[in-house]
Amino acid sequence: MGRARAGDDGVRGSSANAHDVEKPVALALSGVAPSCIGDDGEVIILAATPIGNLGDASRRLVEALENAETIAAEDTRTAIHLMRALGVENRPRLIPLHEHNETARAAELVEAARDSDLLVLTDAGMPTVSDPGFPLVAAAAEAGVTVTALPGPSAVLTALAVSGLPTDRFAFEGFVPRKGRASYFDALATERRTLVFFESPNRIGDTLAELAASFGPDRRVAVCRELTKLHEEVVRGTAAEVAERFADGARGEIVLVVEGAGAVTTDPADAVERVLGLVAGGARLKEAAADVAAETGLGRRDLYEAALAARRSR
C-alpha cells in the first residue's frame, strides 16, 4: 500500500496529477512495491526461496534473480543450482553470507547496497528466520538503507497451518538447543501460545521425550517432516505418543509444532503440597514434580525446587 501524504486523508481527489496515480500502479504491476523504493533506488532485498518444491518459486523471485547484479547467499553453490533449475541465465556477483561471517560482513554489504541492489538468499525459506541475514538488516536499518522482502515459502507457517493446532497466537523458537534442553523446556512449559521449533531428525525422538517430561505426556504435538516434498508427512498426537513413534529418529527436515499450555488454575502452594503428598506415598521427588506439572500446567522445575525447599524447612 502506498503512503498517504502528510496533511491529506490518504484519498486522492480528481485534481491529483495523473502521473502520481499511474506510477504506483506501474510499479505494482512490475512487482516492485512503491513504498520499498529508496531515494536512489538501491535496496537490500530479502528473497524467500523454495523449502523443498521448486514449483513454489515465485515470479518475483525469478525476476529478481534475472536482474540481480550482486547476490549475498548462504551457500553460493546452492544459489547457482537454484538459478540453473529456474532457467535463469544471469551470472551475478556472488558473495557468501553465512552464520560464520554475517556479522563481520554486514557493514561491507550495506555499503555495497548503496551502489546497486543487493539480493539476499538463504538455502531455503526467508533470510533472517533461523537463517543468516539479521545482522545485515540491523546494520542497514541503522545506516538508513532500505530493506524489503520478496515473500514466499516458509517452513514455520506451512507447519503451523497443517499442524491442526491453534494458529491465532504462536511463538517461533528456532532450533531446539543441543544442551540444557530440560531446563529450556521447563521454562516454556506454561507458555500458552502454540510453539514452533526446528529440530534435527536425529534428535527428534529424544527431544519429544524431554518435551513430554516437561510439558506433560498429554500435550498435543505435530511433527511435520519433509514439507512440500515428495515424502511429506505430518504426525499428530500426544507428546508421549509421538515420542514413541520417533524413538529411533527420523529422516528429512523437521518442524515441531506444540500446543500451548492451558490456563493455570491450580494454586502453586497447593501444587507443592500435592508433590509432597506423592513423595510421602513413596514417589521420588523428581517424578512427583513431573506428574503434578503435567496435571496443572505449572513448571516442573519450579515445582521441584519449591517442594525441595518446603521439605527442607519442615
C-alpha atoms as a PDB file:
ATOM      1  CA  MET A   1       0.000   0.000   0.000  1.00  0.00           C
ATOM      2  CA  GLY A   2       1.232   3.471  -0.792  1.00  0.00           C
ATOM      3  CA  ARG A   3       1.763   6.052   1.924  1.00  0.00           C
ATOM      4  CA  ALA A   4      -0.690   8.910   2.367  1.00  0.00           C
ATOM      5  CA  ARG A   5       0.950  12.321   2.017  1.00  0.00           C
ATOM      6  CA  ALA A   6       1.332  14.420   5.146  1.00  0.00           C
ATOM      7  CA  GLY A   7      -1.681  16.637   5.619  1.00  0.00           C
ATOM      8  CA  ASP A   8      -4.178  14.661   3.499  1.00  0.00           C
ATOM      9  CA  ASP A   9      -6.588  11.866   4.340  1.00  0.00           C
ATOM     10  CA  GLY A  10      -4.953   9.300   2.114  1.00  0.00           C
ATOM     11  CA  VAL A  11      -7.565   9.655  -0.665  1.00  0.00           C
ATOM     12  CA  ARG A  12      -6.578  11.448  -3.850  1.00  0.00           C
ATOM     13  CA  GLY A  13      -9.201  13.743  -5.347  1.00  0.00           C
ATOM     14  CA  SER A  14      -9.963  14.355  -9.014  1.00  0.00           C
ATOM     15  CA  SER A  15      -7.306  17.063  -9.148  1.00  0.00           C
ATOM     16  CA  ALA A  16      -4.468  14.597  -8.466  1.00  0.00           C
ATOM     17  CA  ASN A  17      -1.686  14.507 -11.020  1.00  0.00           C
ATOM     18  CA  ALA A  18      -2.207  11.518 -13.329  1.00  0.00           C
ATOM     19  CA  HIS A  19       1.477  10.637 -13.031  1.00  0.00           C
ATOM     20  CA  ASP A  20       1.097  10.302  -9.245  1.00  0.00           C
ATOM     21  CA  VAL A  21      -1.603   7.692  -9.779  1.00  0.00           C
ATOM     22  CA  GLU A  22      -0.023   5.824 -12.668  1.00  0.00           C
ATOM     23  CA  LYS A  23       3.471   5.434 -11.204  1.00  0.00           C
ATOM     24  CA  PRO A  24       2.470   3.292  -8.180  1.00  0.00           C
ATOM     25  CA  VAL A  25       0.232   1.194 -10.429  1.00  0.00           C
ATOM     26  CA  ALA A  26       3.089   0.594 -12.869  1.00  0.00           C
ATOM     27  CA  LEU A  27       5.428  -0.281 -10.032  1.00  0.00           C
ATOM     28  CA  ALA A  28       2.907  -2.689  -8.552  1.00  0.00           C
ATOM     29  CA  LEU A  29       2.399  -4.411 -11.897  1.00  0.00           C
ATOM     30  CA  SER A  30       6.141  -4.755 -12.327  1.00  0.00           C
ATOM     31  CA  GLY A  31       6.386  -6.483  -8.971  1.00  0.00           C
ATOM     32  CA  VAL A  32       8.072  -3.608  -7.109  1.00  0.00           C
ATOM     33  CA  ALA A  33       6.238  -2.086  -4.155  1.00  0.00           C
ATOM     34  CA  PRO A  34       6.453   1.731  -4.374  1.00  0.00           C
ATOM     35  CA  SER A  35       6.986   2.078  -0.619  1.00  0.00           C
ATOM     36  CA  CYS A  36      10.173  -0.011  -0.957  1.00  0.00           C
ATOM     37  CA  ILE A  37      11.994   2.335  -3.330  1.00  0.00           C
ATOM     38  CA  GLY A  38      14.708   4.408  -1.676  1.00  0.00           C
ATOM     39  CA  ASP A  39      15.746   7.905  -2.713  1.00  0.00           C
ATOM     40  CA  ASP A  40      18.407   6.490  -5.022  1.00  0.00           C
ATOM     41  CA  GLY A  41      16.503   3.320  -5.897  1.00  0.00           C
ATOM     42  CA  GLU A  42      19.026   0.980  -4.218  1.00  0.00           C
ATOM     43  CA  VAL A  43      17.740  -1.551  -1.699  1.00  0.00           C
ATOM     44  CA  ILE A  44      18.579  -4.770   0.111  1.00  0.00           C
ATOM     45  CA  ILE A  45      16.097  -7.432  -0.991  1.00  0.00           C
ATOM     46  CA  LEU A  46      15.448 -10.482   1.187  1.00  0.00           C
ATOM     47  CA  ALA A  47      14.116 -13.203  -1.104  1.00  0.00           C
ATOM     48  CA  ALA A  48      12.314 -16.318   0.100  1.00  0.00           C
ATOM     49  CA  THR A  49      13.333 -19.477  -1.757  1.00  0.00           C
ATOM     50  CA  PRO A  50      11.555 -22.854  -2.012  1.00  0.00           C
ATOM     51  CA  ILE A  51      11.731 -25.071   1.072  1.00  0.00           C
ATOM     52  CA  GLY A  52      11.549 -28.274  -0.939  1.00  0.00           C
ATOM     53  CA  ASN A  53       9.413 -27.837  -4.047  1.00  0.00           C
ATOM     54  CA  LEU A  54      10.887 -25.841  -6.914  1.00  0.00           C
ATOM     55  CA  GLY A  55       7.377 -25.082  -8.129  1.00  0.00           C
ATOM     56  CA  ASP A  56       6.934 -22.761  -5.147  1.00  0.00           C
ATOM     57  CA  ALA A  57       9.434 -20.252  -6.577  1.00  0.00           C
ATOM     58  CA  SER A  58       7.548 -17.035  -7.259  1.00  0.00           C
ATOM     59  CA  ARG A  59       7.659 -14.992 -10.444  1.00  0.00           C
ATOM     60  CA  ARG A  60       9.098 -12.138  -8.411  1.00  0.00           C
ATOM     61  CA  LEU A  61      11.956 -14.370  -7.230  1.00  0.00           C
ATOM     62  CA  VAL A  62      12.768 -15.400 -10.797  1.00  0.00           C
ATOM     63  CA  GLU A  63      12.707 -11.757 -11.936  1.00  0.00           C
ATOM     64  CA  ALA A  64      14.954 -10.748  -9.046  1.00  0.00           C
ATOM     65  CA  LEU A  65      17.459 -13.485  -9.910  1.00  0.00           C
ATOM     66  CA  GLU A  66      17.424 -12.497 -13.574  1.00  0.00           C
ATOM     67  CA  ASN A  67      18.125  -8.837 -12.794  1.00  0.00           C
ATOM     68  CA  ALA A  68      20.444  -9.073  -9.787  1.00  0.00           C
ATOM     69  CA  GLU A  69      23.947  -7.658 -10.094  1.00  0.00           C
ATOM     70  CA  THR A  70      25.036  -8.881  -6.656  1.00  0.00           C
ATOM     71  CA  ILE A  71      23.686 -11.739  -4.555  1.00  0.00           C
ATOM     72  CA  ALA A  72      24.639 -12.468  -0.945  1.00  0.00           C
ATOM     73  CA  ALA A  73      23.951 -16.183  -0.499  1.00  0.00           C
ATOM     74  CA  GLU A  74      24.145 -18.570   2.436  1.00  0.00           C
ATOM     75  CA  ASP A  75      25.738 -21.096   0.073  1.00  0.00           C
ATOM     76  CA  THR A  76      26.789 -19.810  -3.335  1.00  0.00           C
ATOM     77  CA  ARG A  77      26.652 -23.331  -4.770  1.00  0.00           C
ATOM     78  CA  THR A  78      23.013 -23.663  -3.748  1.00  0.00           C
ATOM     79  CA  ALA A  79      22.260 -20.265  -5.277  1.00  0.00           C
ATOM     80  CA  ILE A  80      23.845 -21.317  -8.575  1.00  0.00           C
ATOM     81  CA  HIS A  81      21.884 -24.574  -8.545  1.00  0.00           C
ATOM     82  CA  LEU A  82      18.636 -22.674  -7.910  1.00  0.00           C
ATOM     83  CA  MET A  83      19.245 -20.273 -10.795  1.00  0.00           C
ATOM     84  CA  ARG A  84      20.020 -23.111 -13.172  1.00  0.00           C
ATOM     85  CA  ALA A  85      16.936 -25.049 -12.074  1.00  0.00           C
ATOM     86  CA  LEU A  86      14.775 -21.981 -12.701  1.00  0.00           C
ATOM     87  CA  GLY A  87      16.335 -21.355 -16.100  1.00  0.00           C
ATOM     88  CA  VAL A  88      17.979 -18.099 -15.018  1.00  0.00           C
ATOM     89  CA  GLU A  89      20.945 -17.297 -17.261  1.00  0.00           C
ATOM     90  CA  ASN A  90      22.110 -14.253 -15.316  1.00  0.00           C
ATOM     91  CA  ARG A  91      25.544 -14.637 -13.709  1.00  0.00           C
ATOM     92  CA  PRO A  92      25.682 -12.053 -10.914  1.00  0.00           C
ATOM     93  CA  ARG A  93      28.476 -11.490  -8.447  1.00  0.00           C
ATOM     94  CA  LEU A  94      28.019 -13.986  -5.600  1.00  0.00           C
ATOM     95  CA  ILE A  95      29.089 -13.174  -2.042  1.00  0.00           C
ATOM     96  CA  PRO A  96      28.990 -15.828   0.720  1.00  0.00           C
ATOM     97  CA  LEU A  97      26.859 -14.765   3.695  1.00  0.00           C
ATOM     98  CA  HIS A  98      26.566 -17.405   6.393  1.00  0.00           C
ATOM     99  CA  GLU A  99      26.479 -17.741  10.175  1.00  0.00           C
ATOM    100  CA  HIS A 100      30.263 -17.589  10.471  1.00  0.00           C
ATOM    101  CA  ASN A 101      30.771 -14.300   8.608  1.00  0.00           C
ATOM    102  CA  GLU A 102      27.457 -12.428   8.583  1.00  0.00           C
ATOM    103  CA  THR A 103      28.277 -10.096  11.464  1.00  0.00           C
ATOM    104  CA  ALA A 104      31.714  -9.176  10.125  1.00  0.00           C
ATOM    105  CA  ARG A 105      30.385  -8.714   6.602  1.00  0.00           C
ATOM    106  CA  ALA A 106      27.279  -6.651   7.402  1.00  0.00           C
ATOM    107  CA  ALA A 107      28.853  -3.188   7.062  1.00  0.00           C
ATOM    108  CA  GLU A 108      30.560  -4.137   3.787  1.00  0.00           C
ATOM    109  CA  LEU A 109      27.298  -5.362   2.282  1.00  0.00           C
ATOM    110  CA  VAL A 110      25.380  -2.288   3.410  1.00  0.00           C
ATOM    111  CA  GLU A 111      27.896  -0.128   1.554  1.00  0.00           C
ATOM    112  CA  ALA A 112      27.635  -2.395  -1.484  1.00  0.00           C
ATOM    113  CA  ALA A 113      23.871  -1.873  -1.432  1.00  0.00           C
ATOM    114  CA  ARG A 114      24.409   1.878  -1.804  1.00  0.00           C
ATOM    115  CA  ASP A 115      25.873   1.228  -5.261  1.00  0.00           C
ATOM    116  CA  SER A 116      23.375  -1.342  -6.527  1.00  0.00           C
ATOM    117  CA  ASP A 117      20.542  -3.518  -5.278  1.00  0.00           C
ATOM    118  CA  LEU A 118      21.679  -6.423  -3.125  1.00  0.00           C
ATOM    119  CA  LEU A 119      19.678  -9.651  -3.296  1.00  0.00           C
ATOM    120  CA  VAL A 120      19.945 -11.874  -0.202  1.00  0.00           C
ATOM    121  CA  LEU A 121      19.233 -15.620  -0.373  1.00  0.00           C
ATOM    122  CA  THR A 122      19.417 -18.497   2.054  1.00  0.00           C
ATOM    123  CA  ASP A 123      19.319 -22.173   1.160  1.00  0.00           C
ATOM    124  CA  ALA A 124      15.576 -22.431   1.852  1.00  0.00           C
ATOM    125  CA  GLY A 125      12.891 -20.091   3.144  1.00  0.00           C
ATOM    126  CA  MET A 126      13.185 -16.458   4.195  1.00  0.00           C
ATOM    127  CA  PRO A 127      16.547 -14.931   5.180  1.00  0.00           C
ATOM    128  CA  THR A 128      16.822 -13.929   8.881  1.00  0.00           C
ATOM    129  CA  VAL A 129      14.321 -16.593  10.070  1.00  0.00           C
ATOM    130  CA  SER A 130      16.735 -19.043  11.750  1.00  0.00           C
ATOM    131  CA  ASP A 131      18.990 -18.251   8.803  1.00  0.00           C
ATOM    132  CA  PRO A 132      21.627 -15.612   8.004  1.00  0.00           C
ATOM    133  CA  GLY A 133      20.509 -12.030   7.479  1.00  0.00           C
ATOM    134  CA  PHE A 134      19.613 -10.418  10.790  1.00  0.00           C
ATOM    135  CA  PRO A 135      22.937  -8.567  11.359  1.00  0.00           C
ATOM    136  CA  LEU A 136      22.748  -7.252   7.792  1.00  0.00           C
ATOM    137  CA  VAL A 137      19.189  -5.970   8.205  1.00  0.00           C
ATOM    138  CA  ALA A 138      20.036  -4.375  11.554  1.00  0.00           C
ATOM    139  CA  ALA A 139      23.081  -2.642  10.044  1.00  0.00           C
ATOM    140  CA  ALA A 140      21.040  -1.463   7.062  1.00  0.00           C
ATOM    141  CA  ALA A 141      18.338  -0.033   9.313  1.00  0.00           C
ATOM    142  CA  GLU A 142      20.987   1.810  11.339  1.00  0.00           C
ATOM    143  CA  ALA A 143      22.542   3.201   8.148  1.00  0.00           C
ATOM    144  CA  GLY A 144      19.224   4.240   6.636  1.00  0.00           C
ATOM    145  CA  VAL A 145      19.433   1.780   3.733  1.00  0.00           C
ATOM    146  CA  THR A 146      16.075   0.460   2.568  1.00  0.00           C
ATOM    147  CA  VAL A 147      15.321  -3.226   3.156  1.00  0.00           C
ATOM    148  CA  THR A 148      12.425  -5.029   1.507  1.00  0.00           C
ATOM    149  CA  ALA A 149      11.363  -8.634   1.077  1.00  0.00           C
ATOM    150  CA  LEU A 150      10.032 -10.909  -1.632  1.00  0.00           C
ATOM    151  CA  PRO A 151       7.585 -13.099   0.341  1.00  0.00           C
ATOM    152  CA  GLY A 152       7.432 -16.786  -0.336  1.00  0.00           C
ATOM    153  CA  PRO A 153       7.752 -20.256   1.176  1.00  0.00           C
ATOM    154  CA  SER A 154       8.038 -20.541   4.953  1.00  0.00           C
ATOM    155  CA  ALA A 155       8.557 -23.790   6.834  1.00  0.00           C
ATOM    156  CA  VAL A 156       7.295 -22.133  10.020  1.00  0.00           C
ATOM    157  CA  LEU A 157       3.944 -21.014   8.620  1.00  0.00           C
ATOM    158  CA  THR A 158       3.473 -24.124   6.493  1.00  0.00           C
ATOM    159  CA  ALA A 159       3.938 -26.385   9.520  1.00  0.00           C
ATOM    160  CA  LEU A 160       1.691 -24.228  11.676  1.00  0.00           C
ATOM    161  CA  ALA A 161      -1.046 -24.287   9.039  1.00  0.00           C
ATOM    162  CA  VAL A 162      -1.121 -28.085   8.695  1.00  0.00           C
ATOM    163  CA  SER A 163      -0.474 -28.927  12.359  1.00  0.00           C
ATOM    164  CA  GLY A 164      -4.088 -28.930  13.461  1.00  0.00           C
ATOM    165  CA  LEU A 165      -3.116 -26.813  16.472  1.00  0.00           C
ATOM    166  CA  PRO A 166      -4.292 -23.255  17.272  1.00  0.00           C
ATOM    167  CA  THR A 167      -2.848 -20.653  14.906  1.00  0.00           C
ATOM    168  CA  ASP A 168      -4.255 -17.446  16.402  1.00  0.00           C
ATOM    169  CA  ARG A 169      -1.261 -16.967  18.710  1.00  0.00           C
ATOM    170  CA  PHE A 170       2.089 -18.667  18.276  1.00  0.00           C
ATOM    171  CA  ALA A 171       5.783 -18.252  19.023  1.00  0.00           C
ATOM    172  CA  PHE A 172       8.668 -19.453  16.870  1.00  0.00           C
ATOM    173  CA  GLU A 173      11.579 -20.720  18.982  1.00  0.00           C
ATOM    174  CA  GLY A 174      14.031 -21.615  16.212  1.00  0.00           C
ATOM    175  CA  PHE A 175      16.252 -24.661  16.701  1.00  0.00           C
ATOM    176  CA  VAL A 176      15.969 -26.575  19.975  1.00  0.00           C
ATOM    177  CA  PRO A 177      19.310 -26.191  21.801  1.00  0.00           C
ATOM    178  CA  ARG A 178      21.542 -29.251  21.897  1.00  0.00           C
ATOM    179  CA  LYS A 179      22.376 -28.816  25.571  1.00  0.00           C
ATOM    180  CA  GLY A 180      20.280 -27.862  28.571  1.00  0.00           C
ATOM    181  CA  ARG A 181      17.055 -28.934  26.927  1.00  0.00           C
ATOM    182  CA  ALA A 182      15.364 -29.996  30.174  1.00  0.00           C
ATOM    183  CA  SER A 183      15.640 -26.509  31.677  1.00  0.00           C
ATOM    184  CA  TYR A 184      14.845 -24.979  28.278  1.00  0.00           C
ATOM    185  CA  PHE A 185      11.554 -26.855  28.036  1.00  0.00           C
ATOM    186  CA  ASP A 186      10.775 -26.286  31.718  1.00  0.00           C
ATOM    187  CA  ALA A 187      10.930 -22.542  31.065  1.00  0.00           C
ATOM    188  CA  LEU A 188       8.405 -22.914  28.227  1.00  0.00           C
ATOM    189  CA  ALA A 189       6.048 -25.341  29.965  1.00  0.00           C
ATOM    190  CA  THR A 190       3.484 -22.673  30.893  1.00  0.00           C
ATOM    191  CA  GLU A 191       3.649 -20.756  27.587  1.00  0.00           C
ATOM    192  CA  ARG A 192       0.064 -20.549  26.340  1.00  0.00           C
ATOM    193  CA  ARG A 193       0.838 -19.816  22.711  1.00  0.00           C
ATOM    194  CA  THR A 194       1.393 -22.580  20.173  1.00  0.00           C
ATOM    195  CA  LEU A 195       5.145 -23.185  19.875  1.00  0.00           C
ATOM    196  CA  VAL A 196       7.080 -23.915  16.692  1.00  0.00           C
ATOM    197  CA  PHE A 197      10.584 -25.410  16.702  1.00  0.00           C
ATOM    198  CA  PHE A 198      13.142 -26.622  14.184  1.00  0.00           C
ATOM    199  CA  GLU A 199      14.876 -29.865  15.118  1.00  0.00           C
ATOM    200  CA  SER A 200      17.379 -32.326  13.703  1.00  0.00           C
ATOM    201  CA  PRO A 201      15.856 -35.630  12.520  1.00  0.00           C
ATOM    202  CA  ASN A 202      18.472 -37.476  14.576  1.00  0.00           C
ATOM    203  CA  ARG A 203      17.423 -35.765  17.818  1.00  0.00           C
ATOM    204  CA  ILE A 204      13.653 -35.531  17.368  1.00  0.00           C
ATOM    205  CA  GLY A 205      12.933 -38.667  19.439  1.00  0.00           C
ATOM    206  CA  ASP A 206      14.974 -37.526  22.436  1.00  0.00           C
ATOM    207  CA  THR A 207      13.583 -34.010  22.111  1.00  0.00           C
ATOM    208  CA  LEU A 208       9.998 -35.251  22.205  1.00  0.00           C
ATOM    209  CA  ALA A 209      10.744 -37.409  25.249  1.00  0.00           C
ATOM    210  CA  GLU A 210      12.226 -34.433  27.115  1.00  0.00           C
ATOM    211  CA  LEU A 211       9.363 -32.222  25.998  1.00  0.00           C
ATOM    212  CA  ALA A 212       6.856 -34.776  27.321  1.00  0.00           C
ATOM    213  CA  ALA A 213       8.649 -34.798  30.676  1.00  0.00           C
ATOM    214  CA  SER A 214       8.430 -31.010  30.987  1.00  0.00           C
ATOM    215  CA  PHE A 215       5.094 -30.272  29.281  1.00  0.00           C
ATOM    216  CA  GLY A 216       3.317 -33.447  30.301  1.00  0.00           C
ATOM    217  CA  PRO A 217       2.758 -36.588  28.213  1.00  0.00           C
ATOM    218  CA  ASP A 218      -0.682 -35.478  27.012  1.00  0.00           C
ATOM    219  CA  ARG A 219       0.381 -32.186  25.401  1.00  0.00           C
ATOM    220  CA  ARG A 220      -0.598 -32.274  21.723  1.00  0.00           C
ATOM    221  CA  VAL A 221       2.167 -32.007  19.140  1.00  0.00           C
ATOM    222  CA  ALA A 222       2.659 -32.302  15.393  1.00  0.00           C
ATOM    223  CA  VAL A 223       5.888 -33.404  13.749  1.00  0.00           C
ATOM    224  CA  CYS A 224       5.961 -32.001  10.218  1.00  0.00           C
ATOM    225  CA  ARG A 225       8.525 -33.763   8.060  1.00  0.00           C
ATOM    226  CA  GLU A 226       9.760 -33.013   4.526  1.00  0.00           C
ATOM    227  CA  LEU A 227       7.222 -30.235   3.973  1.00  0.00           C
ATOM    228  CA  THR A 228       6.328 -29.595   0.289  1.00  0.00           C
ATOM    229  CA  LYS A 229       8.496 -32.558  -0.772  1.00  0.00           C
ATOM    230  CA  LEU A 230       7.553 -35.947  -2.212  1.00  0.00           C
ATOM    231  CA  HIS A 231       7.556 -37.717   1.163  1.00  0.00           C
ATOM    232  CA  GLU A 232       5.809 -35.001   3.173  1.00  0.00           C
ATOM    233  CA  GLU A 233       4.407 -36.334   6.433  1.00  0.00           C
ATOM    234  CA  VAL A 234       2.574 -34.820   9.395  1.00  0.00           C
ATOM    235  CA  VAL A 235       2.397 -36.965  12.535  1.00  0.00           C
ATOM    236  CA  ARG A 236      -0.053 -35.688  15.149  1.00  0.00           C
ATOM    237  CA  GLY A 237      -0.729 -36.954  18.656  1.00  0.00           C
ATOM    238  CA  THR A 238       0.246 -36.507  22.272  1.00  0.00           C
ATOM    239  CA  ALA A 239       3.861 -35.816  23.161  1.00  0.00           C
ATOM    240  CA  ALA A 240       4.204 -39.323  24.591  1.00  0.00           C
ATOM    241  CA  GLU A 241       2.668 -40.995  21.541  1.00  0.00           C
ATOM    242  CA  VAL A 242       4.735 -39.100  19.013  1.00  0.00           C
ATOM    243  CA  ALA A 243       7.915 -39.530  21.093  1.00  0.00           C
ATOM    244  CA  GLU A 244       7.421 -43.285  20.856  1.00  0.00           C
ATOM    245  CA  ARG A 245       6.779 -43.034  17.116  1.00  0.00           C
ATOM    246  CA  PHE A 246      10.112 -41.263  16.573  1.00  0.00           C
ATOM    247  CA  ALA A 247      12.138 -43.033  19.266  1.00  0.00           C
ATOM    248  CA  ASP A 248      14.641 -44.162  16.634  1.00  0.00           C
ATOM    249  CA  GLY A 249      14.840 -40.772  14.932  1.00  0.00           C
ATOM    250  CA  ALA A 250      13.594 -39.755  11.505  1.00  0.00           C
ATOM    251  CA  ARG A 251      14.745 -38.627   8.102  1.00  0.00           C
ATOM    252  CA  GLY A 252      14.445 -35.276   6.421  1.00  0.00           C
ATOM    253  CA  GLU A 253      13.779 -31.725   7.568  1.00  0.00           C
ATOM    254  CA  ILE A 254      11.704 -31.479  10.750  1.00  0.00           C
ATOM    255  CA  VAL A 255       9.405 -28.768  12.096  1.00  0.00           C
ATOM    256  CA  LEU A 256       7.872 -29.468  15.507  1.00  0.00           C
ATOM    257  CA  VAL A 257       4.625 -27.724  16.485  1.00  0.00           C
ATOM    258  CA  VAL A 258       3.467 -27.919  20.107  1.00  0.00           C
ATOM    259  CA  GLU A 259       0.153 -26.974  21.677  1.00  0.00           C
ATOM    260  CA  GLY A 260       0.309 -24.152  24.205  1.00  0.00           C
ATOM    261  CA  ALA A 261      -0.371 -24.719  27.890  1.00  0.00           C
ATOM    262  CA  GLY A 262      -3.899 -24.478  29.221  1.00  0.00           C
ATOM    263  CA  ALA A 263      -4.907 -21.847  31.728  1.00  0.00           C
ATOM    264  CA  VAL A 264      -3.302 -22.472  35.108  1.00  0.00           C
ATOM    265  CA  THR A 265      -5.979 -22.587  37.792  1.00  0.00           C
ATOM    266  CA  THR A 266      -4.104 -24.503  40.492  1.00  0.00           C
ATOM    267  CA  ASP A 267      -2.619 -22.521  43.354  1.00  0.00           C
ATOM    268  CA  PRO A 268       1.169 -23.147  43.292  1.00  0.00           C
ATOM    269  CA  ALA A 269       1.165 -23.726  47.054  1.00  0.00           C
ATOM    270  CA  ASP A 270      -1.492 -26.420  46.663  1.00  0.00           C
ATOM    271  CA  ALA A 271       0.526 -27.995  43.858  1.00  0.00           C
ATOM    272  CA  VAL A 272       3.606 -28.151  46.094  1.00  0.00           C
ATOM    273  CA  GLU A 273       1.552 -29.911  48.760  1.00  0.00           C
ATOM    274  CA  ARG A 274       0.396 -32.414  46.153  1.00  0.00           C
ATOM    275  CA  VAL A 275       4.013 -33.088  45.232  1.00  0.00           C
ATOM    276  CA  LEU A 276       4.954 -33.626  48.870  1.00  0.00           C
ATOM    277  CA  GLY A 277       1.954 -35.908  49.300  1.00  0.00           C
ATOM    278  CA  LEU A 278       3.132 -38.100  46.423  1.00  0.00           C
ATOM    279  CA  VAL A 279       6.625 -38.183  47.915  1.00  0.00           C
ATOM    280  CA  ALA A 280       5.193 -39.224  51.275  1.00  0.00           C
ATOM    281  CA  GLY A 281       3.470 -42.057  49.439  1.00  0.00           C
ATOM    282  CA  GLY A 282       6.774 -43.347  48.118  1.00  0.00           C
ATOM    283  CA  ALA A 283       7.259 -41.432  44.869  1.00  0.00           C
ATOM    284  CA  ARG A 284      10.595 -39.847  44.020  1.00  0.00           C
ATOM    285  CA  LEU A 285      10.545 -36.057  44.246  1.00  0.00           C
ATOM    286  CA  LYS A 286      11.557 -35.608  40.613  1.00  0.00           C
ATOM    287  CA  GLU A 287       8.813 -37.916  39.366  1.00  0.00           C
ATOM    288  CA  ALA A 288       6.212 -36.371  41.663  1.00  0.00           C
ATOM    289  CA  ALA A 289       7.042 -32.874  40.425  1.00  0.00           C
ATOM    290  CA  ALA A 290       6.765 -34.059  36.819  1.00  0.00           C
ATOM    291  CA  ASP A 291       3.371 -35.690  37.460  1.00  0.00           C
ATOM    292  CA  VAL A 292       1.902 -32.622  39.152  1.00  0.00           C
ATOM    293  CA  ALA A 293       3.370 -30.341  36.488  1.00  0.00           C
ATOM    294  CA  ALA A 294       1.634 -32.403  33.802  1.00  0.00           C
ATOM    295  CA  GLU A 295      -1.672 -32.187  35.681  1.00  0.00           C
ATOM    296  CA  THR A 296      -1.563 -28.468  36.444  1.00  0.00           C
ATOM    297  CA  GLY A 297       0.484 -26.863  33.675  1.00  0.00           C
ATOM    298  CA  LEU A 298       2.911 -25.459  36.238  1.00  0.00           C
ATOM    299  CA  GLY A 299       6.633 -25.669  35.540  1.00  0.00           C
ATOM    300  CA  ARG A 300       8.257 -28.966  36.533  1.00  0.00           C
ATOM    301  CA  ARG A 301      11.483 -27.360  37.700  1.00  0.00           C
ATOM    302  CA  ASP A 302       9.645 -24.676  39.669  1.00  0.00           C
ATOM    303  CA  LEU A 303       7.575 -27.326  41.445  1.00  0.00           C
ATOM    304  CA  TYR A 304      10.632 -29.459  42.139  1.00  0.00           C
ATOM    305  CA  GLU A 305      12.603 -26.595  43.671  1.00  0.00           C
ATOM    306  CA  ALA A 306       9.633 -25.316  45.689  1.00  0.00           C
ATOM    307  CA  ALA A 307       8.872 -28.790  47.039  1.00  0.00           C
ATOM    308  CA  LEU A 308      12.534 -29.378  47.851  1.00  0.00           C
ATOM    309  CA  ALA A 309      12.700 -26.095  49.764  1.00  0.00           C
ATOM    310  CA  ALA A 310       9.454 -26.878  51.593  1.00  0.00           C
ATOM    311  CA  ARG A 311      10.673 -30.338  52.583  1.00  0.00           C
ATOM    312  CA  ARG A 312      13.947 -28.964  53.928  1.00  0.00           C
ATOM    313  CA  SER A 313      12.167 -26.331  56.014  1.00  0.00           C
ATOM    314  CA  ARG A 314       9.991 -28.896  57.801  1.00  0.00           C
END
